[in-house]
Every structure is written in C-alpha cells, then in structure tokens.
Amino acid sequence: SEVGIAILHSVAGESYKSYMNSKRFEIAARTDLGEDGLYSSDMVTWPLAQLERVSFSHFAKSLSPGTKLAETSAQSYQAVFEEDYSTKESIALGYRIRPAL
C-alpha cells in the first residue's frame, strides 16, 4: 500500500540520519570523491552531503501520499511502533498515535 511504502521510506530516512549522526566526525573527514553527483553504491564511502541528500529524499517520499496518510488511522500500524500506545494506561497518560503531517 502507499502508506506502507511511505512508512518504509520514513524508516530508511531515519536509518541514514542515524548512521550519519553516529559517524558524523568520521564522515566529515572524508574526501568527496564523487564527480557530477556520481557516488559509489557503498554508503560507507559517501560524504556528508550525499548522506543528507539520500536521507532527505526518503523523508520527502514518506510524505508524498499526504492525503492517503491523513485518511489512514495510525492504529492500523501499531505493530511497527516500539511501544504499545493502545493500552488504557497509555491513552490515559495522553499518548495517542497521531499522523504527523
């Protein structure tokens, strides 16, 4: 589904961002060897700017089916969340799953 694909793009964007943040100093020390936007398929060799572009691209794609995302209940995707926000205790504390568009 479009929403499932959007979730996967969001996860991919977050994975690139997390990698980039955890290795920022290493990555910043790399020499940018890419010419005309051509880079190796191995992200371990990518400069910071390329990682940022790829991460942003995935985040942008995760929001592209905006109408479909707004119409879909986040409760349908409870299984992909780390916490169970559907319990009575979570709801009582104000933890509700809402789309973030």
PDB file of N, CA and C in Angstrom:
ATOM      1  N   SER A   1       0.837  -1.185   0.000  1.00  0.00           N
ATOM      2  CA  SER A   1       0.000   0.000   0.000  1.00  0.00           C
ATOM      3  C   SER A   1       0.882   1.248   0.000  1.00  0.00           C
ATOM      4  N   GLU A   2       0.293   2.361  -0.397  1.00  0.00           N
ATOM      5  CA  GLU A   2       1.034   3.624  -0.417  1.00  0.00           C
ATOM      6  C   GLU A   2       1.507   4.007   0.982  1.00  0.00           C
ATOM      7  N   VAL A   3       0.669   3.762   1.965  1.00  0.00           N
ATOM      8  CA  VAL A   3       1.022   4.116   3.343  1.00  0.00           C
ATOM      9  C   VAL A   3       2.163   3.230   3.844  1.00  0.00           C
ATOM     10  N   GLY A   4       2.117   1.948   3.532  1.00  0.00           N
ATOM     11  CA  GLY A   4       3.194   1.036   3.914  1.00  0.00           C
ATOM     12  C   GLY A   4       4.525   1.448   3.298  1.00  0.00           C
ATOM     13  N   ILE A   5       4.486   1.831   2.031  1.00  0.00           N
ATOM     14  CA  ILE A   5       5.708   2.292   1.346  1.00  0.00           C
ATOM     15  C   ILE A   5       6.206   3.583   1.983  1.00  0.00           C
ATOM     16  N   ALA A   6       5.278   4.479   2.339  1.00  0.00           N
ATOM     17  CA  ALA A   6       5.661   5.732   2.999  1.00  0.00           C
ATOM     18  C   ALA A   6       6.351   5.448   4.329  1.00  0.00           C
ATOM     19  N   ILE A   7       5.840   4.470   5.075  1.00  0.00           N
ATOM     20  CA  ILE A   7       6.458   4.103   6.357  1.00  0.00           C
ATOM     21  C   ILE A   7       7.874   3.567   6.131  1.00  0.00           C
ATOM     22  N   LEU A   8       8.045   2.751   5.102  1.00  0.00           N
ATOM     23  CA  LEU A   8       9.381   2.221   4.800  1.00  0.00           C
ATOM     24  C   LEU A   8      10.343   3.337   4.404  1.00  0.00           C
ATOM     25  N   HIS A   9       9.868   4.322   3.646  1.00  0.00           N
ATOM     26  CA  HIS A   9      10.731   5.467   3.301  1.00  0.00           C
ATOM     27  C   HIS A   9      11.114   6.242   4.557  1.00  0.00           C
ATOM     28  N   SER A  10      10.176   6.388   5.483  1.00  0.00           N
ATOM     29  CA  SER A  10      10.475   7.085   6.728  1.00  0.00           C
ATOM     30  C   SER A  10      11.529   6.330   7.534  1.00  0.00           C
ATOM     31  N   VAL A  11      11.396   5.009   7.592  1.00  0.00           N
ATOM     32  CA  VAL A  11      12.374   4.175   8.308  1.00  0.00           C
ATOM     33  C   VAL A  11      13.745   4.279   7.637  1.00  0.00           C
ATOM     34  N   ALA A  12      13.772   4.249   6.311  1.00  0.00           N
ATOM     35  CA  ALA A  12      15.047   4.364   5.586  1.00  0.00           C
ATOM     36  C   ALA A  12      15.688   5.728   5.846  1.00  0.00           C
ATOM     37  N   GLY A  13      14.892   6.780   5.781  1.00  0.00           N
ATOM     38  CA  GLY A  13      15.421   8.124   6.043  1.00  0.00           C
ATOM     39  C   GLY A  13      15.993   8.233   7.446  1.00  0.00           C
ATOM     40  N   GLU A  14      15.288   7.666   8.400  1.00  0.00           N
ATOM     41  CA  GLU A  14      15.760   7.693   9.788  1.00  0.00           C
ATOM     42  C   GLU A  14      17.031   6.865   9.956  1.00  0.00           C
ATOM     43  N   SER A  15      17.139   5.761   9.237  1.00  0.00           N
ATOM     44  CA  SER A  15      18.345   4.917   9.314  1.00  0.00           C
ATOM     45  C   SER A  15      19.564   5.660   8.778  1.00  0.00           C
ATOM     46  N   TYR A  16      19.409   6.322   7.629  1.00  0.00           N
ATOM     47  CA  TYR A  16      20.521   7.114   7.083  1.00  0.00           C
ATOM     48  C   TYR A  16      20.891   8.241   8.039  1.00  0.00           C
ATOM     49  N   LYS A  17      19.886   8.916   8.580  1.00  0.00           N
ATOM     50  CA  LYS A  17      20.134  10.026   9.501  1.00  0.00           C
ATOM     51  C   LYS A  17      20.854   9.538  10.752  1.00  0.00           C
ATOM     52  N   SER A  18      20.422   8.410  11.291  1.00  0.00           N
ATOM     53  CA  SER A  18      21.043   7.855  12.488  1.00  0.00           C
ATOM     54  C   SER A  18      22.502   7.480  12.226  1.00  0.00           C
ATOM     55  N   TYR A  19      22.745   6.824  11.084  1.00  0.00           N
ATOM     56  CA  TYR A  19      24.117   6.467  10.714  1.00  0.00           C
ATOM     57  C   TYR A  19      24.966   7.729  10.592  1.00  0.00           C
ATOM     58  N   MET A  20      24.417   8.725   9.917  1.00  0.00           N
ATOM     59  CA  MET A  20      25.134   9.972   9.691  1.00  0.00           C
ATOM     60  C   MET A  20      25.462  10.658  11.019  1.00  0.00           C
ATOM     61  N   ASN A  21      24.512  10.678  11.934  1.00  0.00           N
ATOM     62  CA  ASN A  21      24.751  11.323  13.227  1.00  0.00           C
ATOM     63  C   ASN A  21      25.748  10.564  14.087  1.00  0.00           C
ATOM     64  N   SER A  22      25.731   9.242  14.010  1.00  0.00           N
ATOM     65  CA  SER A  22      26.646   8.460  14.851  1.00  0.00           C
ATOM     66  C   SER A  22      28.076   8.465  14.323  1.00  0.00           C
ATOM     67  N   LYS A  23      28.232   8.736  13.034  1.00  0.00           N
ATOM     68  CA  LYS A  23      29.565   8.719  12.417  1.00  0.00           C
ATOM     69  C   LYS A  23      29.968  10.089  11.868  1.00  0.00           C
ATOM     70  N   ARG A  24      29.319  11.144  12.346  1.00  0.00           N
ATOM     71  CA  ARG A  24      29.494  12.486  11.773  1.00  0.00           C
ATOM     72  C   ARG A  24      30.958  12.907  11.637  1.00  0.00           C
ATOM     73  N   PHE A  25      31.765  12.711  12.662  1.00  0.00           N
ATOM     74  CA  PHE A  25      33.158  13.165  12.597  1.00  0.00           C
ATOM     75  C   PHE A  25      33.964  12.358  11.584  1.00  0.00           C
ATOM     76  N   GLU A  26      33.728  11.056  11.542  1.00  0.00           N
ATOM     77  CA  GLU A  26      34.396  10.206  10.540  1.00  0.00           C
ATOM     78  C   GLU A  26      34.023  10.631   9.126  1.00  0.00           C
ATOM     79  N   ILE A  27      32.735  10.825   8.927  1.00  0.00           N
ATOM     80  CA  ILE A  27      32.220  11.176   7.600  1.00  0.00           C
ATOM     81  C   ILE A  27      32.733  12.545   7.167  1.00  0.00           C
ATOM     82  N   ALA A  28      32.755  13.493   8.087  1.00  0.00           N
ATOM     83  CA  ALA A  28      33.204  14.847   7.764  1.00  0.00           C
ATOM     84  C   ALA A  28      34.673  14.865   7.340  1.00  0.00           C
ATOM     85  N   ALA A  29      35.451  13.899   7.783  1.00  0.00           N
ATOM     86  CA  ALA A  29      36.874  13.847   7.443  1.00  0.00           C
ATOM     87  C   ALA A  29      37.123  13.219   6.070  1.00  0.00           C
ATOM     88  N   ARG A  30      36.085  12.655   5.457  1.00  0.00           N
ATOM     89  CA  ARG A  30      36.260  12.007   4.153  1.00  0.00           C
ATOM     90  C   ARG A  30      36.460  13.034   3.053  1.00  0.00           C
ATOM     91  N   THR A  31      37.200  12.623   2.049  1.00  0.00           N
ATOM     92  CA  THR A  31      37.343  13.428   0.849  1.00  0.00           C
ATOM     93  C   THR A  31      36.209  13.071  -0.094  1.00  0.00           C
ATOM     94  N   ASP A  32      35.535  14.090  -0.611  1.00  0.00           N
ATOM     95  CA  ASP A  32      34.428  13.856  -1.538  1.00  0.00           C
ATOM     96  C   ASP A  32      35.001  13.449  -2.892  1.00  0.00           C
ATOM     97  N   LEU A  33      34.845  12.173  -3.233  1.00  0.00           N
ATOM     98  CA  LEU A  33      35.393  11.656  -4.482  1.00  0.00           C
ATOM     99  C   LEU A  33      34.362  11.597  -5.600  1.00  0.00           C
ATOM    100  N   GLY A  34      33.124  11.942  -5.295  1.00  0.00           N
ATOM    101  CA  GLY A  34      32.069  11.882  -6.305  1.00  0.00           C
ATOM    102  C   GLY A  34      32.192  13.025  -7.294  1.00  0.00           C
ATOM    103  N   GLU A  35      31.999  12.700  -8.558  1.00  0.00           N
ATOM    104  CA  GLU A  35      32.016  13.732  -9.590  1.00  0.00           C
ATOM    105  C   GLU A  35      30.650  13.769 -10.246  1.00  0.00           C
ATOM    106  N   ASP A  36      30.142  14.963 -10.458  1.00  0.00           N
ATOM    107  CA  ASP A  36      28.854  15.149 -11.120  1.00  0.00           C
ATOM    108  C   ASP A  36      27.746  14.354 -10.442  1.00  0.00           C
ATOM    109  N   GLY A  37      27.795  14.253  -9.123  1.00  0.00           N
ATOM    110  CA  GLY A  37      26.745  13.557  -8.388  1.00  0.00           C
ATOM    111  C   GLY A  37      26.818  12.046  -8.459  1.00  0.00           C
ATOM    112  N   LEU A  38      27.880  11.496  -9.013  1.00  0.00           N
ATOM    113  CA  LEU A  38      28.014  10.038  -9.112  1.00  0.00           C
ATOM    114  C   LEU A  38      28.802   9.534  -7.906  1.00  0.00           C
ATOM    115  N   TYR A  39      28.200   8.649  -7.155  1.00  0.00           N
ATOM    116  CA  TYR A  39      28.842   8.107  -5.971  1.00  0.00           C
ATOM    117  C   TYR A  39      28.803   6.594  -6.011  1.00  0.00           C
ATOM    118  N   SER A  40      29.694   5.992  -5.274  1.00  0.00           N
ATOM    119  CA  SER A  40      29.724   4.545  -5.122  1.00  0.00           C
ATOM    120  C   SER A  40      28.391   4.095  -4.530  1.00  0.00           C
ATOM    121  N   SER A  41      28.026   2.853  -4.747  1.00  0.00           N
ATOM    122  CA  SER A  41      26.807   2.327  -4.136  1.00  0.00           C
ATOM    123  C   SER A  41      27.037   1.988  -2.663  1.00  0.00           C
ATOM    124  N   ASP A  42      28.278   2.071  -2.205  1.00  0.00           N
ATOM    125  CA  ASP A  42      28.625   1.778  -0.816  1.00  0.00           C
ATOM    126  C   ASP A  42      28.548   3.062   0.011  1.00  0.00           C
ATOM    127  N   MET A  43      27.518   3.177   0.854  1.00  0.00           N
ATOM    128  CA  MET A  43      27.323   4.410   1.622  1.00  0.00           C
ATOM    129  C   MET A  43      28.455   4.689   2.606  1.00  0.00           C
ATOM    130  N   VAL A  44      29.268   3.696   2.903  1.00  0.00           N
ATOM    131  CA  VAL A  44      30.400   3.892   3.805  1.00  0.00           C
ATOM    132  C   VAL A  44      31.413   4.865   3.200  1.00  0.00           C
ATOM    133  N   THR A  45      31.368   5.051   1.899  1.00  0.00           N
ATOM    134  CA  THR A  45      32.303   5.966   1.232  1.00  0.00           C
ATOM    135  C   THR A  45      31.679   7.323   0.928  1.00  0.00           C
ATOM    136  N   TRP A  46      30.394   7.497   1.197  1.00  0.00           N
ATOM    137  CA  TRP A  46      29.709   8.745   0.846  1.00  0.00           C
ATOM    138  C   TRP A  46      30.113   9.898   1.747  1.00  0.00           C
ATOM    139  N   PRO A  47      30.210  11.099   1.188  1.00  0.00           N
ATOM    140  CA  PRO A  47      30.442  12.285   2.016  1.00  0.00           C
ATOM    141  C   PRO A  47      29.142  12.685   2.724  1.00  0.00           C
ATOM    142  N   LEU A  48      29.254  13.566   3.676  1.00  0.00           N
ATOM    143  CA  LEU A  48      28.114  14.006   4.474  1.00  0.00           C
ATOM    144  C   LEU A  48      26.980  14.550   3.600  1.00  0.00           C
ATOM    145  N   ALA A  49      27.305  15.339   2.604  1.00  0.00           N
ATOM    146  CA  ALA A  49      26.274  15.937   1.744  1.00  0.00           C
ATOM    147  C   ALA A  49      25.447  14.874   1.026  1.00  0.00           C
ATOM    148  N   GLN A  50      26.074  13.805   0.576  1.00  0.00           N
ATOM    149  CA  GLN A  50      25.340  12.729  -0.105  1.00  0.00           C
ATOM    150  C   GLN A  50      24.416  11.999   0.870  1.00  0.00           C
ATOM    151  N   LEU A  51      24.892  11.725   2.069  1.00  0.00           N
ATOM    152  CA  LEU A  51      24.048  11.075   3.074  1.00  0.00           C
ATOM    153  C   LEU A  51      22.843  11.956   3.420  1.00  0.00           C
ATOM    154  N   GLU A  52      23.076  13.248   3.527  1.00  0.00           N
ATOM    155  CA  GLU A  52      21.975  14.171   3.819  1.00  0.00           C
ATOM    156  C   GLU A  52      20.953  14.173   2.685  1.00  0.00           C
ATOM    157  N   ARG A  53      21.433  14.179   1.442  1.00  0.00           N
ATOM    158  CA  ARG A  53      20.521  14.169   0.286  1.00  0.00           C
ATOM    159  C   ARG A  53      19.668  12.904   0.263  1.00  0.00           C
ATOM    160  N   VAL A  54      20.288  11.755   0.491  1.00  0.00           N
ATOM    161  CA  VAL A  54      19.566  10.486   0.451  1.00  0.00           C
ATOM    162  C   VAL A  54      18.560  10.415   1.606  1.00  0.00           C
ATOM    163  N   SER A  55      18.969  10.828   2.794  1.00  0.00           N
ATOM    164  CA  SER A  55      18.070  10.823   3.940  1.00  0.00           C
ATOM    165  C   SER A  55      16.873  11.738   3.678  1.00  0.00           C
ATOM    166  N   PHE A  56      17.127  12.959   3.220  1.00  0.00           N
ATOM    167  CA  PHE A  56      16.052  13.902   2.936  1.00  0.00           C
ATOM    168  C   PHE A  56      15.119  13.374   1.849  1.00  0.00           C
ATOM    169  N   SER A  57      15.691  12.741   0.835  1.00  0.00           N
ATOM    170  CA  SER A  57      14.882  12.180  -0.248  1.00  0.00           C
ATOM    171  C   SER A  57      13.892  11.142   0.282  1.00  0.00           C
ATOM    172  N   HIS A  58      14.356  10.286   1.178  1.00  0.00           N
ATOM    173  CA  HIS A  58      13.463   9.280   1.766  1.00  0.00           C
ATOM    174  C   HIS A  58      12.382   9.937   2.631  1.00  0.00           C
ATOM    175  N   PHE A  59      12.764  10.952   3.407  1.00  0.00           N
ATOM    176  CA  PHE A  59      11.765  11.639   4.223  1.00  0.00           C
ATOM    177  C   PHE A  59      10.721  12.317   3.335  1.00  0.00           C
ATOM    178  N   ALA A  60      11.159  12.951   2.255  1.00  0.00           N
ATOM    179  CA  ALA A  60      10.221  13.604   1.329  1.00  0.00           C
ATOM    180  C   ALA A  60       9.276  12.579   0.701  1.00  0.00           C
ATOM    181  N   LYS A  61       9.816  11.429   0.293  1.00  0.00           N
ATOM    182  CA  LYS A  61       8.977  10.381  -0.298  1.00  0.00           C
ATOM    183  C   LYS A  61       7.988   9.818   0.724  1.00  0.00           C
ATOM    184  N   SER A  62       8.373   9.830   2.001  1.00  0.00           N
ATOM    185  CA  SER A  62       7.474   9.300   3.023  1.00  0.00           C
ATOM    186  C   SER A  62       6.244  10.187   3.212  1.00  0.00           C
ATOM    187  N   LEU A  63       6.328  11.426   2.782  1.00  0.00           N
ATOM    188  CA  LEU A  63       5.198  12.346   2.923  1.00  0.00           C
ATOM    189  C   LEU A  63       4.415  12.548   1.631  1.00  0.00           C
ATOM    190  N   SER A  64       4.870  11.939   0.544  1.00  0.00           N
ATOM    191  CA  SER A  64       4.235  12.191  -0.754  1.00  0.00           C
ATOM    192  C   SER A  64       2.780  11.746  -0.847  1.00  0.00           C
ATOM    193  N   PRO A  65       2.368  10.641  -0.238  1.00  0.00           N
ATOM    194  CA  PRO A  65       0.938  10.320  -0.306  1.00  0.00           C
ATOM    195  C   PRO A  65       0.172  11.003   0.830  1.00  0.00           C
ATOM    196  N   GLY A  66       0.304  12.332   0.939  1.00  0.00           N
ATOM    197  CA  GLY A  66      -0.253  13.092   2.064  1.00  0.00           C
ATOM    198  C   GLY A  66      -1.710  12.834   2.362  1.00  0.00           C
ATOM    199  N   THR A  67      -2.550  12.863   1.332  1.00  0.00           N
ATOM    200  CA  THR A  67      -3.981  12.644   1.546  1.00  0.00           C
ATOM    201  C   THR A  67      -4.241  11.246   2.086  1.00  0.00           C
ATOM    202  N   LYS A  68      -3.584  10.273   1.489  1.00  0.00           N
ATOM    203  CA  LYS A  68      -3.754   8.879   1.916  1.00  0.00           C
ATOM    204  C   LYS A  68      -3.275   8.707   3.364  1.00  0.00           C
ATOM    205  N   LEU A  69      -2.176   9.367   3.717  1.00  0.00           N
ATOM    206  CA  LEU A  69      -1.664   9.280   5.086  1.00  0.00           C
ATOM    207  C   LEU A  69      -2.652   9.887   6.076  1.00  0.00           C
ATOM    208  N   ALA A  70      -3.231  11.020   5.711  1.00  0.00           N
ATOM    209  CA  ALA A  70      -4.172  11.689   6.600  1.00  0.00           C
ATOM    210  C   ALA A  70      -5.452  10.876   6.790  1.00  0.00           C
ATOM    211  N   GLU A  71      -5.825  10.109   5.785  1.00  0.00           N
ATOM    212  CA  GLU A  71      -7.053   9.307   5.854  1.00  0.00           C
ATOM    213  C   GLU A  71      -6.856   7.980   6.581  1.00  0.00           C
ATOM    214  N   THR A  72      -5.614   7.567   6.782  1.00  0.00           N
ATOM    215  CA  THR A  72      -5.321   6.260   7.369  1.00  0.00           C
ATOM    216  C   THR A  72      -5.120   6.378   8.869  1.00  0.00           C
ATOM    217  N   SER A  73      -5.784   5.520   9.609  1.00  0.00           N
ATOM    218  CA  SER A  73      -5.621   5.506  11.059  1.00  0.00           C
ATOM    219  C   SER A  73      -4.237   4.956  11.404  1.00  0.00           C
ATOM    220  N   ALA A  74      -3.534   5.673  12.245  1.00  0.00           N
ATOM    221  CA  ALA A  74      -2.219   5.207  12.691  1.00  0.00           C
ATOM    222  C   ALA A  74      -2.339   3.936  13.520  1.00  0.00           C
ATOM    223  N   GLN A  75      -3.502   3.705  14.109  1.00  0.00           N
ATOM    224  CA  GLN A  75      -3.722   2.483  14.888  1.00  0.00           C
ATOM    225  C   GLN A  75      -3.539   1.242  14.017  1.00  0.00           C
ATOM    226  N   SER A  76      -3.763   1.379  12.709  1.00  0.00           N
ATOM    227  CA  SER A  76      -3.600   0.249  11.787  1.00  0.00           C
ATOM    228  C   SER A  76      -2.156  -0.245  11.739  1.00  0.00           C
ATOM    229  N   TYR A  77      -1.230   0.634  12.122  1.00  0.00           N
ATOM    230  CA  TYR A  77       0.195   0.310  12.042  1.00  0.00           C
ATOM    231  C   TYR A  77       0.831   0.198  13.424  1.00  0.00           C
ATOM    232  N   GLN A  78       0.026  -0.113  14.436  1.00  0.00           N
ATOM    233  CA  GLN A  78       0.515  -0.239  15.808  1.00  0.00           C
ATOM    234  C   GLN A  78       1.700  -1.199  15.909  1.00  0.00           C
ATOM    235  N   ALA A  79       1.712  -2.243  15.105  1.00  0.00           N
ATOM    236  CA  ALA A  79       2.761  -3.268  15.184  1.00  0.00           C
ATOM    237  C   ALA A  79       4.156  -2.728  14.871  1.00  0.00           C
ATOM    238  N   VAL A  80       4.272  -1.617  14.154  1.00  0.00           N
ATOM    239  CA  VAL A  80       5.595  -1.101  13.804  1.00  0.00           C
ATOM    240  C   VAL A  80       6.165  -0.157  14.862  1.00  0.00           C
ATOM    241  N   PHE A  81       5.362   0.187  15.877  1.00  0.00           N
ATOM    242  CA  PHE A  81       5.849   1.068  16.927  1.00  0.00           C
ATOM    243  C   PHE A  81       6.531   0.251  18.017  1.00  0.00           C
ATOM    244  N   GLU A  82       7.546   0.842  18.647  1.00  0.00           N
ATOM    245  CA  GLU A  82       8.263   0.154  19.710  1.00  0.00           C
ATOM    246  C   GLU A  82       7.411  -0.003  20.958  1.00  0.00           C
ATOM    247  N   GLU A  83       6.594   0.968  21.243  1.00  0.00           N
ATOM    248  CA  GLU A  83       5.740   0.944  22.431  1.00  0.00           C
ATOM    249  C   GLU A  83       4.306   0.616  22.017  1.00  0.00           C
ATOM    250  N   ASP A  84       3.554   0.056  22.939  1.00  0.00           N
ATOM    251  CA  ASP A  84       2.139  -0.202  22.694  1.00  0.00           C
ATOM    252  C   ASP A  84       1.358   0.995  23.226  1.00  0.00           C
ATOM    253  N   TYR A  85       1.008   1.905  22.326  1.00  0.00           N
ATOM    254  CA  TYR A  85       0.300   3.116  22.714  1.00  0.00           C
ATOM    255  C   TYR A  85      -1.216   2.936  22.716  1.00  0.00           C
ATOM    256  N   SER A  86      -1.686   1.707  22.557  1.00  0.00           N
ATOM    257  CA  SER A  86      -3.127   1.485  22.532  1.00  0.00           C
ATOM    258  C   SER A  86      -3.672   1.026  23.886  1.00  0.00           C
ATOM    259  N   THR A  87      -2.799   0.870  24.872  1.00  0.00           N
ATOM    260  CA  THR A  87      -3.276   0.424  26.181  1.00  0.00           C
ATOM    261  C   THR A  87      -4.050   1.550  26.870  1.00  0.00           C
ATOM    262  N   LYS A  88      -4.910   1.183  27.796  1.00  0.00           N
ATOM    263  CA  LYS A  88      -5.696   2.178  28.530  1.00  0.00           C
ATOM    264  C   LYS A  88      -4.779   3.126  29.296  1.00  0.00           C
ATOM    265  N   GLU A  89      -3.683   2.583  29.837  1.00  0.00           N
ATOM    266  CA  GLU A  89      -2.744   3.410  30.604  1.00  0.00           C
ATOM    267  C   GLU A  89      -2.092   4.460  29.716  1.00  0.00           C
ATOM    268  N   SER A  90      -1.679   4.048  28.519  1.00  0.00           N
ATOM    269  CA  SER A  90      -1.038   4.987  27.590  1.00  0.00           C
ATOM    270  C   SER A  90      -2.003   6.076  27.168  1.00  0.00           C
ATOM    271  N   ILE A  91      -3.222   5.678  26.873  1.00  0.00           N
ATOM    272  CA  ILE A  91      -4.225   6.653  26.447  1.00  0.00           C
ATOM    273  C   ILE A  91      -4.540   7.612  27.597  1.00  0.00           C
ATOM    274  N   ALA A  92      -4.626   7.081  28.823  1.00  0.00           N
ATOM    275  CA  ALA A  92      -4.892   7.923  29.992  1.00  0.00           C
ATOM    276  C   ALA A  92      -3.780   8.944  30.200  1.00  0.00           C
ATOM    277  N   LEU A  93      -2.550   8.573  29.881  1.00  0.00           N
ATOM    278  CA  LEU A  93      -1.416   9.489  30.016  1.00  0.00           C
ATOM    279  C   LEU A  93      -1.317  10.459  28.842  1.00  0.00           C
ATOM    280  N   GLY A  94      -2.182  10.295  27.867  1.00  0.00           N
ATOM    281  CA  GLY A  94      -2.188  11.221  26.735  1.00  0.00           C
ATOM    282  C   GLY A  94      -1.356  10.768  25.559  1.00  0.00           C
ATOM    283  N   TYR A  95      -0.864   9.524  25.594  1.00  0.00           N
ATOM    284  CA  TYR A  95      -0.073   9.013  24.476  1.00  0.00           C
ATOM    285  C   TYR A  95      -1.024   8.442  23.428  1.00  0.00           C
ATOM    286  N   ARG A  96      -1.255   9.196  22.424  1.00  0.00           N
ATOM    287  CA  ARG A  96      -2.110   8.735  21.334  1.00  0.00           C
ATOM    288  C   ARG A  96      -1.324   8.799  20.046  1.00  0.00           C
ATOM    289  N   ILE A  97      -1.580   7.865  19.202  1.00  0.00           N
ATOM    290  CA  ILE A  97      -0.896   7.838  17.912  1.00  0.00           C
ATOM    291  C   ILE A  97      -1.626   8.767  16.971  1.00  0.00           C
ATOM    292  N   ARG A  98      -0.885   9.741  16.458  1.00  0.00           N
ATOM    293  CA  ARG A  98      -1.467  10.686  15.523  1.00  0.00           C
ATOM    294  C   ARG A  98      -0.538  10.816  14.327  1.00  0.00           C
ATOM    295  N   PRO A  99      -1.097  11.030  13.139  1.00  0.00           N
ATOM    296  CA  PRO A  99      -0.230  11.280  11.988  1.00  0.00           C
ATOM    297  C   PRO A  99       0.476  12.615  12.185  1.00  0.00           C
ATOM    298  N   ALA A 100       1.696  12.699  11.724  1.00  0.00           N
ATOM    299  CA  ALA A 100       2.487  13.930  11.891  1.00  0.00           C
ATOM    300  C   ALA A 100       2.719  14.581  10.527  1.00  0.00           C
ATOM    301  N   LEU A 101       1.666  15.104   9.956  1.00  0.00           N
ATOM    302  CA  LEU A 101       1.790  15.779   8.647  1.00  0.00           C
ATOM    303  C   LEU A 101       1.809  17.251   8.830  1.00  0.00           C
TER     304      LEU A 101
END
